[in-house]
PDB file of N, CA and C in Angstrom:
ATOM      1  N   MET A   1    -102.995  70.777-165.572  1.00  0.00           N
ATOM      2  CA  MET A   1    -102.280  71.605-166.526  1.00  0.00           C
ATOM      3  C   MET A   1    -102.262  70.890-167.878  1.00  0.00           C
ATOM      4  N   ALA A   2    -102.476  71.632-168.926  1.00  0.00           N
ATOM      5  CA  ALA A   2    -102.450  71.067-170.275  1.00  0.00           C
ATOM      6  C   ALA A   2    -101.032  70.605-170.615  1.00  0.00           C
ATOM      7  N   VAL A   3    -100.938  69.576-171.429  1.00  0.00           N
ATOM      8  CA  VAL A   3     -99.644  69.038-171.823  1.00  0.00           C
ATOM      9  C   VAL A   3     -98.789  70.122-172.488  1.00  0.00           C
ATOM     10  N   LYS A   4     -99.389  70.932-173.337  1.00  0.00           N
ATOM     11  CA  LYS A   4     -98.662  72.028-174.005  1.00  0.00           C
ATOM     12  C   LYS A   4     -98.011  72.936-172.966  1.00  0.00           C
ATOM     13  N   ASP A   5     -98.742  73.288-171.924  1.00  0.00           N
ATOM     14  CA  ASP A   5     -98.211  74.145-170.869  1.00  0.00           C
ATOM     15  C   ASP A   5     -97.081  73.458-170.104  1.00  0.00           C
ATOM     16  N   GLU A   6     -97.220  72.160-169.871  1.00  0.00           N
ATOM     17  CA  GLU A   6     -96.171  71.405-169.187  1.00  0.00           C
ATOM     18  C   GLU A   6     -94.902  71.363-170.028  1.00  0.00           C
ATOM     19  N   ILE A   7     -95.052  71.142-171.333  1.00  0.00           N
ATOM     20  CA  ILE A   7     -93.895  71.133-172.234  1.00  0.00           C
ATOM     21  C   ILE A   7     -93.186  72.480-172.163  1.00  0.00           C
ATOM     22  N   GLU A   8     -93.935  73.563-172.286  1.00  0.00           N
ATOM     23  CA  GLU A   8     -93.347  74.904-172.242  1.00  0.00           C
ATOM     24  C   GLU A   8     -92.628  75.153-170.920  1.00  0.00           C
ATOM     25  N   ALA A   9     -93.230  74.774-169.821  1.00  0.00           N
ATOM     26  CA  ALA A   9     -92.628  74.999-168.506  1.00  0.00           C
ATOM     27  C   ALA A   9     -91.332  74.209-168.341  1.00  0.00           C
ATOM     28  N   ARG A  10     -91.350  72.949-168.743  1.00  0.00           N
ATOM     29  CA  ARG A  10     -90.152  72.116-168.573  1.00  0.00           C
ATOM     30  C   ARG A  10     -89.010  72.571-169.473  1.00  0.00           C
ATOM     31  N   LEU A  11     -89.314  72.915-170.706  1.00  0.00           N
ATOM     32  CA  LEU A  11     -88.256  73.344-171.625  1.00  0.00           C
ATOM     33  C   LEU A  11     -87.712  74.716-171.243  1.00  0.00           C
ATOM     34  N   THR A  12     -88.572  75.586-170.751  1.00  0.00           N
ATOM     35  CA  THR A  12     -88.119  76.895-170.290  1.00  0.00           C
ATOM     36  C   THR A  12     -87.193  76.746-169.083  1.00  0.00           C
ATOM     37  N   ALA A  13     -87.576  75.898-168.149  1.00  0.00           N
ATOM     38  CA  ALA A  13     -86.754  75.675-166.952  1.00  0.00           C
ATOM     39  C   ALA A  13     -85.412  75.039-167.300  1.00  0.00           C
ATOM     40  N   ALA A  14     -85.414  74.133-168.252  1.00  0.00           N
ATOM     41  CA  ALA A  14     -84.187  73.398-168.585  1.00  0.00           C
ATOM     42  C   ALA A  14     -83.215  74.187-169.454  1.00  0.00           C
ATOM     43  N   PHE A  15     -83.736  75.014-170.373  1.00  0.00           N
ATOM     44  CA  PHE A  15     -82.870  75.617-171.389  1.00  0.00           C
ATOM     45  C   PHE A  15     -82.913  77.140-171.473  1.00  0.00           C
ATOM     46  N   ALA A  16     -83.806  77.814-170.774  1.00  0.00           N
ATOM     47  CA  ALA A  16     -83.958  79.274-170.872  1.00  0.00           C
ATOM     48  C   ALA A  16     -83.904  79.710-172.340  1.00  0.00           C
ATOM     49  N   PRO A  17     -84.813  79.197-173.158  1.00  0.00           N
ATOM     50  CA  PRO A  17     -84.737  79.464-174.599  1.00  0.00           C
ATOM     51  C   PRO A  17     -84.973  80.922-174.976  1.00  0.00           C
ATOM     52  N   SER A  18     -84.325  81.326-176.073  1.00  0.00           N
ATOM     53  CA  SER A  18     -84.582  82.657-176.627  1.00  0.00           C
ATOM     54  C   SER A  18     -85.853  82.629-177.463  1.00  0.00           C
ATOM     55  N   GLN A  19     -86.209  81.445-177.970  1.00  0.00           N
ATOM     56  CA  GLN A  19     -87.464  81.233-178.697  1.00  0.00           C
ATOM     57  C   GLN A  19     -88.007  79.863-178.337  1.00  0.00           C
ATOM     58  N   LEU A  20     -89.312  79.790-178.159  1.00  0.00           N
ATOM     59  CA  LEU A  20     -89.969  78.518-177.894  1.00  0.00           C
ATOM     60  C   LEU A  20     -91.394  78.598-178.423  1.00  0.00           C
ATOM     61  N   VAL A  21     -91.705  77.694-179.335  1.00  0.00           N
ATOM     62  CA  VAL A  21     -93.060  77.598-179.866  1.00  0.00           C
ATOM     63  C   VAL A  21     -93.483  76.140-179.742  1.00  0.00           C
ATOM     64  N   VAL A  22     -94.573  75.903-179.043  1.00  0.00           N
ATOM     65  CA  VAL A  22     -95.113  74.549-178.893  1.00  0.00           C
ATOM     66  C   VAL A  22     -96.502  74.553-179.517  1.00  0.00           C
ATOM     67  N   GLU A  23     -96.678  73.728-180.537  1.00  0.00           N
ATOM     68  CA  GLU A  23     -97.964  73.638-181.226  1.00  0.00           C
ATOM     69  C   GLU A  23     -98.579  72.270-180.984  1.00  0.00           C
ATOM     70  N   ASN A  24     -99.819  72.267-180.571  1.00  0.00           N
ATOM     71  CA  ASN A  24    -100.566  71.021-180.432  1.00  0.00           C
ATOM     72  C   ASN A  24    -101.153  70.681-181.803  1.00  0.00           C
ATOM     73  N   GLU A  25    -100.660  69.614-182.411  1.00  0.00           N
ATOM     74  CA  GLU A  25    -101.125  69.196-183.735  1.00  0.00           C
ATOM     75  C   GLU A  25    -101.999  67.948-183.666  1.00  0.00           C
ATOM     76  N   SER A  26    -102.516  67.658-182.496  1.00  0.00           N
ATOM     77  CA  SER A  26    -103.300  66.439-182.304  1.00  0.00           C
ATOM     78  C   SER A  26    -104.513  66.372-183.219  1.00  0.00           C
ATOM     79  N   HIS A  27    -105.119  67.530-183.487  1.00  0.00           N
ATOM     80  CA  HIS A  27    -106.309  67.551-184.343  1.00  0.00           C
ATOM     81  C   HIS A  27    -106.007  67.029-185.751  1.00  0.00           C
ATOM     82  N   LYS A  28    -104.768  67.133-186.184  1.00  0.00           N
ATOM     83  CA  LYS A  28    -104.375  66.650-187.519  1.00  0.00           C
ATOM     84  C   LYS A  28    -104.279  65.121-187.566  1.00  0.00           C
ATOM     85  N   HIS A  29    -104.277  64.486-186.400  1.00  0.00           N
ATOM     86  CA  HIS A  29    -104.084  63.044-186.316  1.00  0.00           C
ATOM     87  C   HIS A  29    -105.295  62.319-185.735  1.00  0.00           C
ATOM     88  N   ALA A  30    -106.415  63.002-185.633  1.00  0.00           N
ATOM     89  CA  ALA A  30    -107.627  62.396-185.079  1.00  0.00           C
ATOM     90  C   ALA A  30    -107.992  61.145-185.862  1.00  0.00           C
ATOM     91  N   GLY A  31    -108.188  60.072-185.136  1.00  0.00           N
ATOM     92  CA  GLY A  31    -108.558  58.800-185.755  1.00  0.00           C
ATOM     93  C   GLY A  31    -107.386  57.990-186.259  1.00  0.00           C
ATOM     94  N   HIS A  32    -106.183  58.547-186.232  1.00  0.00           N
ATOM     95  CA  HIS A  32    -104.991  57.828-186.693  1.00  0.00           C
ATOM     96  C   HIS A  32    -104.367  57.044-185.543  1.00  0.00           C
ATOM     97  N   SER A  33    -103.406  56.218-185.877  1.00  0.00           N
ATOM     98  CA  SER A  33    -102.664  55.475-184.868  1.00  0.00           C
ATOM     99  C   SER A  33    -102.020  56.450-183.886  1.00  0.00           C
ATOM    100  N   GLY A  34    -102.115  56.165-182.639  1.00  0.00           N
ATOM    101  CA  GLY A  34    -101.526  57.009-181.614  1.00  0.00           C
ATOM    102  C   GLY A  34    -102.458  58.071-181.075  1.00  0.00           C
ATOM    103  N   ASP A  35    -103.601  58.271-181.711  1.00  0.00           N
ATOM    104  CA  ASP A  35    -104.588  59.229-181.206  1.00  0.00           C
ATOM    105  C   ASP A  35    -105.337  58.561-180.066  1.00  0.00           C
ATOM    106  N   ASP A  36    -105.118  59.067-178.860  1.00  0.00           N
ATOM    107  CA  ASP A  36    -105.762  58.467-177.697  1.00  0.00           C
ATOM    108  C   ASP A  36    -107.081  59.155-177.344  1.00  0.00           C
ATOM    109  N   GLY A  37    -107.476  60.120-178.172  1.00  0.00           N
ATOM    110  CA  GLY A  37    -108.727  60.825-177.936  1.00  0.00           C
ATOM    111  C   GLY A  37    -108.631  61.969-176.952  1.00  0.00           C
ATOM    112  N   SER A  38    -107.443  62.185-176.385  1.00  0.00           N
ATOM    113  CA  SER A  38    -107.270  63.249-175.389  1.00  0.00           C
ATOM    114  C   SER A  38    -107.127  64.629-176.018  1.00  0.00           C
ATOM    115  N   GLY A  39    -106.768  64.658-177.296  1.00  0.00           N
ATOM    116  CA  GLY A  39    -106.492  65.934-177.949  1.00  0.00           C
ATOM    117  C   GLY A  39    -105.124  66.475-177.586  1.00  0.00           C
ATOM    118  N   GLU A  40    -104.311  65.653-176.917  1.00  0.00           N
ATOM    119  CA  GLU A  40    -102.968  66.054-176.493  1.00  0.00           C
ATOM    120  C   GLU A  40    -101.972  64.920-176.736  1.00  0.00           C
ATOM    121  N   SER A  41    -101.889  64.496-177.984  1.00  0.00           N
ATOM    122  CA  SER A  41    -101.023  63.356-178.292  1.00  0.00           C
ATOM    123  C   SER A  41     -99.914  63.665-179.292  1.00  0.00           C
ATOM    124  N   HIS A  42    -100.030  64.747-180.058  1.00  0.00           N
ATOM    125  CA  HIS A  42     -99.066  65.080-181.109  1.00  0.00           C
ATOM    126  C   HIS A  42     -98.676  66.561-180.996  1.00  0.00           C
ATOM    127  N   PHE A  43     -97.364  66.812-180.927  1.00  0.00           N
ATOM    128  CA  PHE A  43     -96.886  68.182-180.762  1.00  0.00           C
ATOM    129  C   PHE A  43     -95.722  68.483-181.698  1.00  0.00           C
ATOM    130  N   ARG A  44     -95.618  69.752-182.069  1.00  0.00           N
ATOM    131  CA  ARG A  44     -94.480  70.275-182.830  1.00  0.00           C
ATOM    132  C   ARG A  44     -93.816  71.323-181.946  1.00  0.00           C
ATOM    133  N   ILE A  45     -92.493  71.172-181.758  1.00  0.00           N
ATOM    134  CA  ILE A  45     -91.748  72.070-180.885  1.00  0.00           C
ATOM    135  C   ILE A  45     -90.611  72.723-181.665  1.00  0.00           C
ATOM    136  N   MET A  46     -90.553  74.053-181.617  1.00  0.00           N
ATOM    137  CA  MET A  46     -89.429  74.809-182.151  1.00  0.00           C
ATOM    138  C   MET A  46     -88.791  75.488-180.955  1.00  0.00           C
ATOM    139  N   ILE A  47     -87.508  75.218-180.736  1.00  0.00           N
ATOM    140  CA  ILE A  47     -86.811  75.802-179.592  1.00  0.00           C
ATOM    141  C   ILE A  47     -85.425  76.269-180.024  1.00  0.00           C
ATOM    142  N   ARG A  48     -85.061  77.464-179.563  1.00  0.00           N
ATOM    143  CA  ARG A  48     -83.741  78.041-179.795  1.00  0.00           C
ATOM    144  C   ARG A  48     -83.179  78.417-178.435  1.00  0.00           C
ATOM    145  N   ALA A  49     -81.955  77.964-178.153  1.00  0.00           N
ATOM    146  CA  ALA A  49     -81.330  78.271-176.872  1.00  0.00           C
ATOM    147  C   ALA A  49     -79.818  78.173-176.995  1.00  0.00           C
ATOM    148  N   ALA A  50     -79.125  79.032-176.275  1.00  0.00           N
ATOM    149  CA  ALA A  50     -77.667  79.008-176.260  1.00  0.00           C
ATOM    150  C   ALA A  50     -77.149  77.663-175.741  1.00  0.00           C
ATOM    151  N   ALA A  51     -77.921  77.009-174.897  1.00  0.00           N
ATOM    152  CA  ALA A  51     -77.510  75.725-174.323  1.00  0.00           C
ATOM    153  C   ALA A  51     -77.240  74.659-175.384  1.00  0.00           C
ATOM    154  N   PHE A  52     -77.821  74.823-176.562  1.00  0.00           N
ATOM    155  CA  PHE A  52     -77.650  73.820-177.625  1.00  0.00           C
ATOM    156  C   PHE A  52     -76.447  74.098-178.520  1.00  0.00           C
ATOM    157  N   GLN A  53     -75.802  75.232-178.347  1.00  0.00           N
ATOM    158  CA  GLN A  53     -74.771  75.694-179.266  1.00  0.00           C
ATOM    159  C   GLN A  53     -73.670  74.661-179.541  1.00  0.00           C
ATOM    160  N   ASP A  54     -73.151  74.022-178.517  1.00  0.00           N
ATOM    161  CA  ASP A  54     -72.039  73.094-178.702  1.00  0.00           C
ATOM    162  C   ASP A  54     -72.471  71.628-178.747  1.00  0.00           C
ATOM    163  N   MET A  55     -73.769  71.388-178.877  1.00  0.00           N
ATOM    164  CA  MET A  55     -74.286  70.015-178.907  1.00  0.00           C
ATOM    165  C   MET A  55     -74.479  69.537-180.342  1.00  0.00           C
ATOM    166  N   THR A  56     -74.296  68.244-180.534  1.00  0.00           N
ATOM    167  CA  THR A  56     -74.634  67.644-181.815  1.00  0.00           C
ATOM    168  C   THR A  56     -76.152  67.574-181.930  1.00  0.00           C
ATOM    169  N   ARG A  57     -76.618  67.299-183.116  1.00  0.00           N
ATOM    170  CA  ARG A  57     -78.064  67.187-183.333  1.00  0.00           C
ATOM    171  C   ARG A  57     -78.672  66.105-182.436  1.00  0.00           C
ATOM    172  N   ILE A  58     -78.015  64.986-182.357  1.00  0.00           N
ATOM    173  CA  ILE A  58     -78.508  63.881-181.516  1.00  0.00           C
ATOM    174  C   ILE A  58     -78.520  64.294-180.046  1.00  0.00           C
ATOM    175  N   ALA A  59     -77.462  64.957-179.595  1.00  0.00           N
ATOM    176  CA  ALA A  59     -77.386  65.401-178.198  1.00  0.00           C
ATOM    177  C   ALA A  59     -78.501  66.388-177.878  1.00  0.00           C
ATOM    178  N   ARG A  60     -78.840  67.253-178.830  1.00  0.00           N
ATOM    179  CA  ARG A  60     -79.923  68.208-178.629  1.00  0.00           C
ATOM    180  C   ARG A  60     -81.253  67.482-178.433  1.00  0.00           C
ATOM    181  N   HIS A  61     -81.511  66.515-179.299  1.00  0.00           N
ATOM    182  CA  HIS A  61     -82.759  65.749-179.199  1.00  0.00           C
ATOM    183  C   HIS A  61     -82.818  64.995-177.874  1.00  0.00           C
ATOM    184  N   ARG A  62     -81.711  64.389-177.492  1.00  0.00           N
ATOM    185  CA  ARG A  62     -81.677  63.661-176.219  1.00  0.00           C
ATOM    186  C   ARG A  62     -81.904  64.590-175.041  1.00  0.00           C
ATOM    187  N   ALA A  63     -81.326  65.784-175.100  1.00  0.00           N
ATOM    188  CA  ALA A  63     -81.488  66.755-174.011  1.00  0.00           C
ATOM    189  C   ALA A  63     -82.951  67.190-173.878  1.00  0.00           C
ATOM    190  N   VAL A  64     -83.604  67.421-175.002  1.00  0.00           N
ATOM    191  CA  VAL A  64     -85.018  67.807-174.962  1.00  0.00           C
ATOM    192  C   VAL A  64     -85.861  66.656-174.414  1.00  0.00           C
ATOM    193  N   GLN A  65     -85.609  65.444-174.885  1.00  0.00           N
ATOM    194  CA  GLN A  65     -86.361  64.285-174.398  1.00  0.00           C
ATOM    195  C   GLN A  65     -86.152  64.102-172.894  1.00  0.00           C
ATOM    196  N   ALA A  66     -84.916  64.295-172.430  1.00  0.00           N
ATOM    197  CA  ALA A  66     -84.636  64.169-170.993  1.00  0.00           C
ATOM    198  C   ALA A  66     -85.382  65.235-170.205  1.00  0.00           C
ATOM    199  N   ALA A  67     -85.420  66.460-170.729  1.00  0.00           N
ATOM    200  CA  ALA A  67     -86.126  67.542-170.037  1.00  0.00           C
ATOM    201  C   ALA A  67     -87.629  67.271-169.960  1.00  0.00           C
ATOM    202  N   LEU A  68     -88.169  66.626-170.979  1.00  0.00           N
ATOM    203  CA  LEU A  68     -89.603  66.312-170.974  1.00  0.00           C
ATOM    204  C   LEU A  68     -89.926  65.176-170.022  1.00  0.00           C
ATOM    205  N   GLY A  69     -88.947  64.325-169.748  1.00  0.00           N
ATOM    206  CA  GLY A  69     -89.102  63.259-168.753  1.00  0.00           C
ATOM    207  C   GLY A  69     -90.330  62.402-168.956  1.00  0.00           C
ATOM    208  N   ASP A  70     -91.163  62.287-167.923  1.00  0.00           N
ATOM    209  CA  ASP A  70     -92.323  61.404-167.952  1.00  0.00           C
ATOM    210  C   ASP A  70     -93.401  61.849-168.941  1.00  0.00           C
ATOM    211  N   LEU A  71     -93.313  63.065-169.453  1.00  0.00           N
ATOM    212  CA  LEU A  71     -94.278  63.489-170.482  1.00  0.00           C
ATOM    213  C   LEU A  71     -94.149  62.619-171.731  1.00  0.00           C
ATOM    214  N   ASN A  72     -92.958  62.079-171.956  1.00  0.00           N
ATOM    215  CA  ASN A  72     -92.749  61.215-173.117  1.00  0.00           C
ATOM    216  C   ASN A  72     -93.701  60.016-173.103  1.00  0.00           C
ATOM    217  N   GLN A  73     -94.151  59.615-171.930  1.00  0.00           N
ATOM    218  CA  GLN A  73     -95.068  58.485-171.821  1.00  0.00           C
ATOM    219  C   GLN A  73     -96.497  58.875-172.206  1.00  0.00           C
ATOM    220  N   ARG A  74     -96.799  60.175-172.132  1.00  0.00           N
ATOM    221  CA  ARG A  74     -98.157  60.658-172.414  1.00  0.00           C
ATOM    222  C   ARG A  74     -98.317  61.208-173.823  1.00  0.00           C
ATOM    223  N   ILE A  75     -97.202  61.409-174.515  1.00  0.00           N
ATOM    224  CA  ILE A  75     -97.234  62.001-175.854  1.00  0.00           C
ATOM    225  C   ILE A  75     -96.884  60.926-176.873  1.00  0.00           C
ATOM    226  N   HIS A  76     -97.675  60.827-177.926  1.00  0.00           N
ATOM    227  CA  HIS A  76     -97.410  59.823-178.955  1.00  0.00           C
ATOM    228  C   HIS A  76     -96.323  60.278-179.913  1.00  0.00           C
ATOM    229  N   ALA A  77     -96.330  61.559-180.309  1.00  0.00           N
ATOM    230  CA  ALA A  77     -95.371  62.025-181.304  1.00  0.00           C
ATOM    231  C   ALA A  77     -94.969  63.475-181.044  1.00  0.00           C
ATOM    232  N   ILE A  78     -93.664  63.732-181.234  1.00  0.00           N
ATOM    233  CA  ILE A  78     -93.134  65.076-181.112  1.00  0.00           C
ATOM    234  C   ILE A  78     -92.246  65.342-182.316  1.00  0.00           C
ATOM    235  N   ALA A  79     -92.523  66.425-183.041  1.00  0.00           N
ATOM    236  CA  ALA A  79     -91.660  66.876-184.125  1.00  0.00           C
ATOM    237  C   ALA A  79     -90.796  67.993-183.539  1.00  0.00           C
ATOM    238  N   LEU A  80     -89.463  67.848-183.633  1.00  0.00           N
ATOM    239  CA  LEU A  80     -88.555  68.802-183.019  1.00  0.00           C
ATOM    240  C   LEU A  80     -87.776  69.606-184.038  1.00  0.00           C
ATOM    241  N   ASP A  81     -87.688  70.895-183.807  1.00  0.00           N
ATOM    242  CA  ASP A  81     -86.852  71.822-184.570  1.00  0.00           C
ATOM    243  C   ASP A  81     -86.018  72.531-183.503  1.00  0.00           C
ATOM    244  N   ILE A  82     -84.761  72.099-183.367  1.00  0.00           N
ATOM    245  CA  ILE A  82     -83.909  72.577-182.271  1.00  0.00           C
ATOM    246  C   ILE A  82     -82.709  73.336-182.829  1.00  0.00           C
ATOM    247  N   GLY A  83     -82.447  74.464-182.245  1.00  0.00           N
ATOM    248  CA  GLY A  83     -81.277  75.228-182.686  1.00  0.00           C
ATOM    249  C   GLY A  83     -80.725  76.092-181.601  1.00  0.00           C
TER     250      GLY A  83
END
């Protein structure tokens, strides 16, 4: 399964988002630090879910990172837009 698909599946299961957009931006970082050549190293995630309503910004980021679990070891960079 592609990393993008795994991210979508894990975040959907954890938060039942009303909106979720996962963009693979690895092509923008080809040849840069952190590019492992897999084409799956840099992602931008926009997620909206009621589960985040009473969380601080830091708590939201931690919750997303926890939901991604071991994927964090395979991804070099994630840009998050959480609401």
